[in-house]
Amino acid sequence: MKSKLIFILVFINTQAFSQATDTVLKKYDQQFIYRYGSSFMKGGNKLSFSDLQNEFNSKSPSFDLYIKSKNNKTVSTVLRFVSIFAIVGVLKGASDNNTGLAYGFLAGQLVTALLSQHYRSKSIVDLDRALQIRNRELLFPGK
């Protein structure tokens, strides 16, 4: 009975410590990139959106998705600023008692804000896909 128990403990022990030398585990710990709030983490280091460009292989589909995400983020930022500046038109129309102008700028502000949010969400989805493809290529090359 003791020999069976010792065999089981040795077997469990070898299985538990065999993960410590695994190359996939090392790649996962040191090179895997994941989202951490508005920034990204790689091996315990914080990366910004612009730092990610160096992490993608230019021949990979993940790089194309990163570029698409970057373009969508730029469009979203421009539309957000246009939406913010539309407040000036709303205030100008309201101060001149021109309701048509005020409502027109208010509608324009709403449309640009919604479009900005749409492009922002597209950017997030594309970047998450790019990171997923990059991480899969990193952990399982050639598949």
Protein backbone atom coordinates (compact mmCIF):
# COMPACT_ATOMS: atom_id res chain seq x y z
CA MET A 1 0.00 0.00 0.00
CA LYS A 2 2.86 2.37 0.84
CA SER A 3 4.58 1.68 -2.46
CA LYS A 4 1.39 2.56 -4.39
CA LEU A 5 1.01 5.79 -2.43
CA ILE A 6 4.65 6.72 -3.03
CA PHE A 7 4.28 5.94 -6.74
CA ILE A 8 1.18 8.17 -6.98
CA LEU A 9 2.91 11.03 -5.13
CA VAL A 10 6.02 10.78 -7.33
CA PHE A 11 3.84 10.69 -10.45
CA ILE A 12 1.87 13.79 -9.34
CA ASN A 13 5.10 15.56 -8.39
CA THR A 14 6.73 14.96 -11.79
CA GLN A 15 3.59 16.14 -13.58
CA ALA A 16 3.42 19.31 -11.50
CA PHE A 17 7.05 20.32 -12.04
CA SER A 18 7.18 19.36 -15.71
CA GLN A 19 5.35 22.59 -16.60
CA ALA A 20 8.22 24.73 -15.27
CA THR A 21 10.49 23.99 -18.26
CA ASP A 22 7.85 24.14 -20.97
CA THR A 23 8.77 26.53 -23.81
CA VAL A 24 5.11 27.34 -24.53
CA LEU A 25 4.68 28.42 -20.93
CA LYS A 26 7.75 30.66 -21.18
CA LYS A 27 6.47 32.21 -24.41
CA TYR A 28 3.10 32.74 -22.78
CA ASP A 29 4.61 34.44 -19.74
CA GLN A 30 7.13 36.60 -21.58
CA GLN A 31 5.67 37.38 -25.03
CA PHE A 32 1.90 37.01 -24.82
CA ILE A 33 0.08 40.36 -25.22
CA TYR A 34 -3.25 41.02 -23.59
CA ARG A 35 -5.49 44.03 -22.95
CA TYR A 36 -5.16 45.69 -19.55
CA GLY A 37 -7.66 48.53 -19.36
CA SER A 38 -6.78 51.11 -21.98
CA SER A 39 -3.23 49.79 -22.33
CA PHE A 40 -1.70 46.40 -23.02
CA MET A 41 0.61 44.06 -21.11
CA LYS A 42 3.49 41.95 -22.38
CA GLY A 43 5.64 40.02 -19.93
CA GLY A 44 4.81 42.36 -17.06
CA ASN A 45 5.52 45.52 -19.10
CA LYS A 46 2.84 48.01 -20.04
CA LEU A 47 2.50 48.84 -23.74
CA SER A 48 0.56 51.65 -25.36
CA PHE A 49 -1.40 51.39 -28.60
CA SER A 50 1.48 52.88 -30.61
CA ASP A 51 3.98 50.45 -29.03
CA LEU A 52 2.01 47.54 -30.45
CA GLN A 53 3.08 48.29 -34.02
CA ASN A 54 6.54 46.85 -33.34
CA GLU A 55 5.02 43.63 -31.98
CA PHE A 56 3.30 42.54 -35.19
CA ASN A 57 4.94 40.74 -38.10
CA SER A 58 4.38 42.85 -41.22
CA LYS A 59 3.64 39.74 -43.31
CA SER A 60 0.94 38.50 -40.95
CA PRO A 61 -2.81 39.13 -41.20
CA SER A 62 -2.58 40.45 -37.65
CA PHE A 63 -0.56 43.45 -38.88
CA ASP A 64 -3.25 44.28 -41.45
CA LEU A 65 -5.88 44.16 -38.71
CA TYR A 66 -3.71 46.40 -36.53
CA ILE A 67 -3.45 48.98 -39.35
CA LYS A 68 -7.22 48.79 -39.90
CA SER A 69 -7.76 49.27 -36.18
CA LYS A 70 -5.39 52.25 -36.15
CA ASN A 71 -7.27 53.88 -39.07
CA ASN A 72 -10.64 53.31 -37.38
CA LYS A 73 -9.28 54.81 -34.16
CA THR A 74 -8.10 57.90 -36.05
CA VAL A 75 -11.51 58.34 -37.73
CA SER A 76 -13.20 57.92 -34.35
CA THR A 77 -10.99 60.57 -32.75
CA VAL A 78 -11.64 63.08 -35.55
CA LEU A 79 -15.39 62.50 -35.37
CA ARG A 80 -15.32 62.88 -31.60
CA PHE A 81 -13.64 66.29 -31.89
CA VAL A 82 -16.12 67.36 -34.58
CA SER A 83 -18.92 66.35 -32.23
CA ILE A 84 -17.40 68.37 -29.42
CA PHE A 85 -16.98 71.44 -31.64
CA ALA A 86 -20.61 71.16 -32.74
CA ILE A 87 -21.49 72.37 -29.24
CA VAL A 88 -20.27 75.82 -30.32
CA GLY A 89 -22.84 75.82 -33.13
CA VAL A 90 -25.59 74.76 -30.74
CA LEU A 91 -24.66 77.55 -28.32
CA LYS A 92 -24.42 80.11 -31.15
CA GLY A 93 -27.86 79.13 -32.47
CA ALA A 94 -29.36 79.23 -28.99
CA SER A 95 -27.87 82.65 -28.19
CA ASP A 96 -29.20 84.10 -31.48
CA ASN A 97 -32.65 82.52 -30.91
CA ASN A 98 -32.18 80.58 -34.13
CA THR A 99 -33.76 77.24 -33.25
CA GLY A 100 -33.22 75.80 -36.72
CA LEU A 101 -29.46 76.33 -36.45
CA ALA A 102 -29.36 75.02 -32.88
CA TYR A 103 -31.34 71.88 -33.75
CA GLY A 104 -29.27 71.33 -36.90
CA PHE A 105 -26.00 71.43 -34.97
CA LEU A 106 -27.51 69.29 -32.23
CA ALA A 107 -28.51 66.66 -34.80
CA GLY A 108 -25.05 66.88 -36.39
CA GLN A 109 -23.46 66.44 -32.98
CA LEU A 110 -25.56 63.36 -32.27
CA VAL A 111 -24.75 61.80 -35.65
CA THR A 112 -21.02 62.42 -35.37
CA ALA A 113 -20.97 61.12 -31.79
CA LEU A 114 -22.72 57.91 -32.85
CA LEU A 115 -20.39 57.46 -35.83
CA SER A 116 -17.40 58.06 -33.56
CA GLN A 117 -18.61 55.36 -31.19
CA HIS A 118 -19.18 52.98 -34.10
CA TYR A 119 -15.64 53.43 -35.44
CA ARG A 120 -14.21 53.14 -31.92
CA SER A 121 -15.93 49.80 -31.37
CA LYS A 122 -14.73 48.58 -34.80
CA SER A 123 -11.21 49.60 -33.82
CA ILE A 124 -11.41 47.64 -30.56
CA VAL A 125 -12.76 44.53 -32.28
CA ASP A 126 -10.10 44.63 -35.00
CA LEU A 127 -7.30 45.14 -32.48
CA ASP A 128 -8.53 42.29 -30.29
CA ARG A 129 -8.60 40.03 -33.34
CA ALA A 130 -5.10 41.15 -34.33
CA LEU A 131 -3.80 40.35 -30.85
CA GLN A 132 -5.53 36.98 -30.88
CA ILE A 133 -3.97 36.05 -34.23
CA ARG A 134 -0.53 37.32 -33.14
CA ASN A 135 -0.66 35.35 -29.89
CA ARG A 136 -1.81 32.21 -31.68
CA GLU A 137 1.03 32.55 -34.23
CA LEU A 138 3.47 33.07 -31.38
CA LEU A 139 2.37 30.09 -29.30
CA PHE A 140 1.70 27.70 -32.19
CA PRO A 141 3.93 28.65 -35.14
CA GLY A 142 3.11 27.04 -38.45
CA LYS A 143 -0.50 26.26 -37.64
